[in-house]
Protein backbone atom coordinates (compact mmCIF):
# COMPACT_ATOMS: atom_id res chain seq x y z
CA UNK A 1 0.13 -19.42 -1.49
CA UNK A 2 -1.94 -16.69 -3.13
CA UNK A 3 -4.03 -14.21 -1.20
CA UNK A 4 -6.38 -13.97 -4.17
CA UNK A 5 -9.32 -15.76 -2.42
CA UNK A 6 -9.20 -13.24 0.44
CA UNK A 7 -9.09 -10.34 -2.03
CA UNK A 8 -11.99 -11.82 -4.02
CA UNK A 9 -14.01 -12.06 -0.78
CA UNK A 10 -13.21 -8.41 -0.13
CA UNK A 11 -14.47 -7.47 -3.59
CA UNK A 12 -17.71 -9.40 -3.01
CA UNK A 13 -18.20 -7.49 0.24
CA UNK A 14 -17.52 -4.15 -1.47
CA UNK A 15 -20.16 -4.98 -4.07
CA UNK A 16 -22.65 -6.34 -1.53
CA UNK A 17 -22.51 -3.25 0.69
CA UNK A 18 -22.62 -1.03 -2.41
CA UNK A 19 -19.34 0.65 -1.51
CA UNK A 20 -18.31 3.29 -4.05
CA UNK A 21 -14.81 1.78 -4.21
CA UNK A 22 -16.21 -1.30 -5.96
CA UNK A 23 -16.95 0.68 -9.12
CA UNK A 24 -13.68 2.65 -8.92
CA UNK A 25 -11.30 -0.32 -8.79
CA UNK A 26 -8.92 -0.62 -11.72
CA UNK A 27 -8.26 -4.03 -13.27
CA UNK A 28 -5.07 -5.65 -12.09
CA UNK A 29 -1.77 -5.65 -13.93
CA UNK A 30 -0.08 -8.72 -15.38
CA UNK A 31 2.88 -10.05 -13.39
CA UNK A 32 5.43 -9.06 -16.05
CA UNK A 33 4.25 -5.45 -15.94
CA UNK A 34 4.40 -5.44 -12.14
CA UNK A 35 7.92 -6.92 -12.21
CA UNK A 36 9.07 -4.33 -14.75
CA UNK A 37 7.68 -1.42 -12.73
CA UNK A 38 9.18 -2.77 -9.50
CA UNK A 39 12.58 -3.33 -11.11
CA UNK A 40 13.79 0.04 -9.76
CA UNK A 41 12.63 -0.75 -6.21
CA UNK A 42 15.82 -1.53 -4.24
CA UNK A 43 14.47 -4.61 -2.43
CA UNK A 44 12.07 -7.50 -3.09
CA UNK A 45 8.40 -7.02 -2.25
CA UNK A 46 6.44 -9.92 -0.81
CA UNK A 47 4.66 -12.24 -3.25
CA UNK A 48 1.33 -11.16 -1.74
CA UNK A 49 2.00 -7.60 -2.96
CA UNK A 50 2.35 -8.96 -6.50
CA UNK A 51 -0.95 -10.84 -6.00
CA UNK A 52 -2.56 -7.61 -4.77
CA UNK A 53 -1.55 -5.51 -7.79
CA UNK A 54 -2.45 -8.33 -10.18
CA UNK A 55 -5.90 -8.50 -8.50
CA UNK A 56 -6.62 -4.75 -8.73
CA UNK A 57 -4.42 -1.76 -9.45
CA UNK A 58 -5.82 0.77 -7.01
CA UNK A 59 -8.66 3.20 -7.64
CA UNK A 60 -9.32 5.14 -10.83
CA UNK A 61 -7.37 8.37 -10.97
CA UNK A 62 -10.43 10.38 -11.99
CA UNK A 63 -12.16 9.70 -8.65
CA UNK A 64 -13.69 12.74 -6.99
CA UNK A 65 -13.36 11.41 -3.43
CA UNK A 66 -10.57 9.49 -1.69
CA UNK A 67 -12.62 6.47 -0.62
CA UNK A 68 -11.06 4.43 2.17
CA UNK A 69 -10.72 0.67 1.96
CA UNK A 70 -10.36 0.70 5.74
CA UNK A 71 -10.04 3.65 8.17
CA UNK A 72 -7.51 6.20 6.97
CA UNK A 73 -6.36 4.14 3.99
CA UNK A 74 -7.01 4.89 0.32
CA UNK A 75 -5.77 2.28 -2.17
CA UNK A 76 -2.90 3.38 -4.40
CA UNK A 77 -2.18 2.10 -7.88
CA UNK A 78 1.29 0.69 -8.42
CA UNK A 79 2.27 3.84 -10.35
CA UNK A 80 0.95 6.08 -7.54
CA UNK A 81 2.81 3.96 -4.98
CA UNK A 82 6.09 4.23 -6.90
CA UNK A 83 5.63 7.98 -7.51
CA UNK A 84 4.97 8.57 -3.81
CA UNK A 85 7.90 6.29 -2.94
CA UNK A 86 10.32 8.30 -5.09
CA UNK A 87 8.97 11.60 -3.71
CA UNK A 88 9.32 10.37 -0.11
CA UNK A 89 12.86 9.06 -0.67
CA UNK A 90 13.89 12.35 -2.33
CA UNK A 91 12.38 14.36 0.54
CA UNK A 92 14.11 12.11 3.09
CA UNK A 93 17.49 12.64 1.42
CA UNK A 94 16.97 16.42 1.36
CA UNK A 95 15.88 16.58 4.99
CA UNK A 96 18.72 14.26 6.00
CA UNK A 97 21.32 16.50 4.29
CA UNK A 98 19.92 19.62 5.96
CA UNK A 99 19.58 18.01 9.40
CA UNK A 100 22.75 15.95 9.25
CA UNK A 101 20.94 12.69 9.98
CA UNK A 102 20.66 9.43 8.04
CA UNK A 103 17.87 9.46 5.42
CA UNK A 104 16.53 6.21 6.89
CA UNK A 105 15.46 8.13 10.02
CA UNK A 106 13.05 10.07 7.80
CA UNK A 107 11.97 7.40 5.29
CA UNK A 108 13.24 3.83 4.99
CA UNK A 109 13.93 2.88 1.37
CA UNK A 110 12.43 -0.59 2.08
CA UNK A 111 8.97 0.97 2.59
CA UNK A 112 6.66 0.84 -0.44
CA UNK A 113 3.40 2.76 0.12
CA UNK A 114 0.25 0.76 -0.61
CA UNK A 115 -2.35 3.01 1.07
CA UNK A 116 -2.38 6.76 1.72
CA UNK A 117 -4.31 8.66 4.37
CA UNK A 118 -7.08 10.59 2.56
CA UNK A 119 -5.85 13.89 4.03
CA UNK A 120 -2.16 13.07 3.50
CA UNK A 121 0.53 12.86 6.12
CA UNK A 122 0.40 9.10 6.69
CA UNK A 123 0.85 5.84 4.80
CA UNK A 124 0.44 2.13 5.22
CA UNK A 125 3.49 0.53 3.62
CA UNK A 126 4.78 -2.93 2.90
CA UNK A 127 8.33 -3.72 3.90
CA UNK A 128 10.64 -5.08 1.22
CA UNK A 129 13.48 -7.45 1.96
CA UNK A 130 16.82 -8.64 0.62
CA UNK A 131 15.33 -11.93 -0.60
CA UNK A 132 11.95 -12.89 -2.04
CA UNK A 133 9.36 -13.72 0.63
CA UNK A 134 5.68 -14.67 0.65
CA UNK A 135 4.44 -12.13 3.23
CA UNK A 136 5.63 -8.93 4.86
CA UNK A 137 4.21 -6.73 7.59
CA UNK A 138 2.15 -3.66 6.80
CA UNK A 139 3.55 -0.73 8.74
CA UNK A 140 1.73 2.49 9.61
CA UNK A 141 3.86 5.61 9.09
CA UNK A 142 3.15 9.17 10.20
CA UNK A 143 5.29 11.46 8.05
CA UNK A 144 5.85 13.85 10.94
CA UNK A 145 7.50 11.06 12.94
CA UNK A 146 8.91 8.09 11.00
CA UNK A 147 10.37 6.84 14.28
CA UNK A 148 6.75 6.24 15.27
CA UNK A 149 6.38 3.56 12.59
CA UNK A 150 4.44 0.62 13.91
CA UNK A 151 3.27 -2.70 12.55
CA UNK A 152 -0.42 -2.31 11.75
CA UNK A 153 -0.99 -5.76 10.19
CA UNK A 154 1.14 -8.89 10.07
CA UNK A 155 0.60 -9.11 6.31
CA UNK A 156 -1.39 -7.76 3.38
CA UNK A 157 -3.66 -10.79 3.70
CA UNK A 158 -4.39 -9.91 7.35
CA UNK A 159 -5.12 -6.33 6.26
CA UNK A 160 -7.61 -7.56 3.61
CA UNK A 161 -9.39 -9.72 6.21
CA UNK A 162 -9.67 -6.74 8.60
CA UNK A 163 -10.82 -4.41 5.80
CA UNK A 164 -13.56 -6.90 4.96
CA UNK A 165 -14.66 -7.02 8.62
CA UNK A 166 -14.63 -3.22 8.83
CA UNK A 167 -16.80 -2.88 5.72
CA UNK A 168 -19.29 -5.40 7.08
CA UNK A 169 -19.50 -3.63 10.46
CA UNK A 170 -19.72 -0.19 8.89
CA UNK A 171 -22.65 -1.15 6.67
């Protein structure tokens, strides 16, 4: 089941409240492009993540401000998400070597960033799995303490519903 209707409702709300993000959203990618770009990701992402990137592909890169879709969460494009993912995995491996700990205690390779804190230092990620699934939790990660990872939303769809509510309350 697609989360597209929930995302379309979110877009209507962004436009109705005249949120700057509405004009900065990038058109979505086709599913083949998404699949090709995710081919290097070591696990399957939930189908709703594919729906999300086919709906919109983050915010324009030339934006002057990191506008939040919901508190402390700026939308990433798929390319930004994968770039940050590779950087975080590389940093985790380096820290793990130096500290003599498993890299997964720093950054779990199943975490794909979808939203970044506007000031850095934190992400909202989706959790990939060994097999294809429809939904996955959205986990909040503070880079200073990956052990403090916590489930922020039961799914991307639940996040979109809450973001819509937040925008309506804010405006």
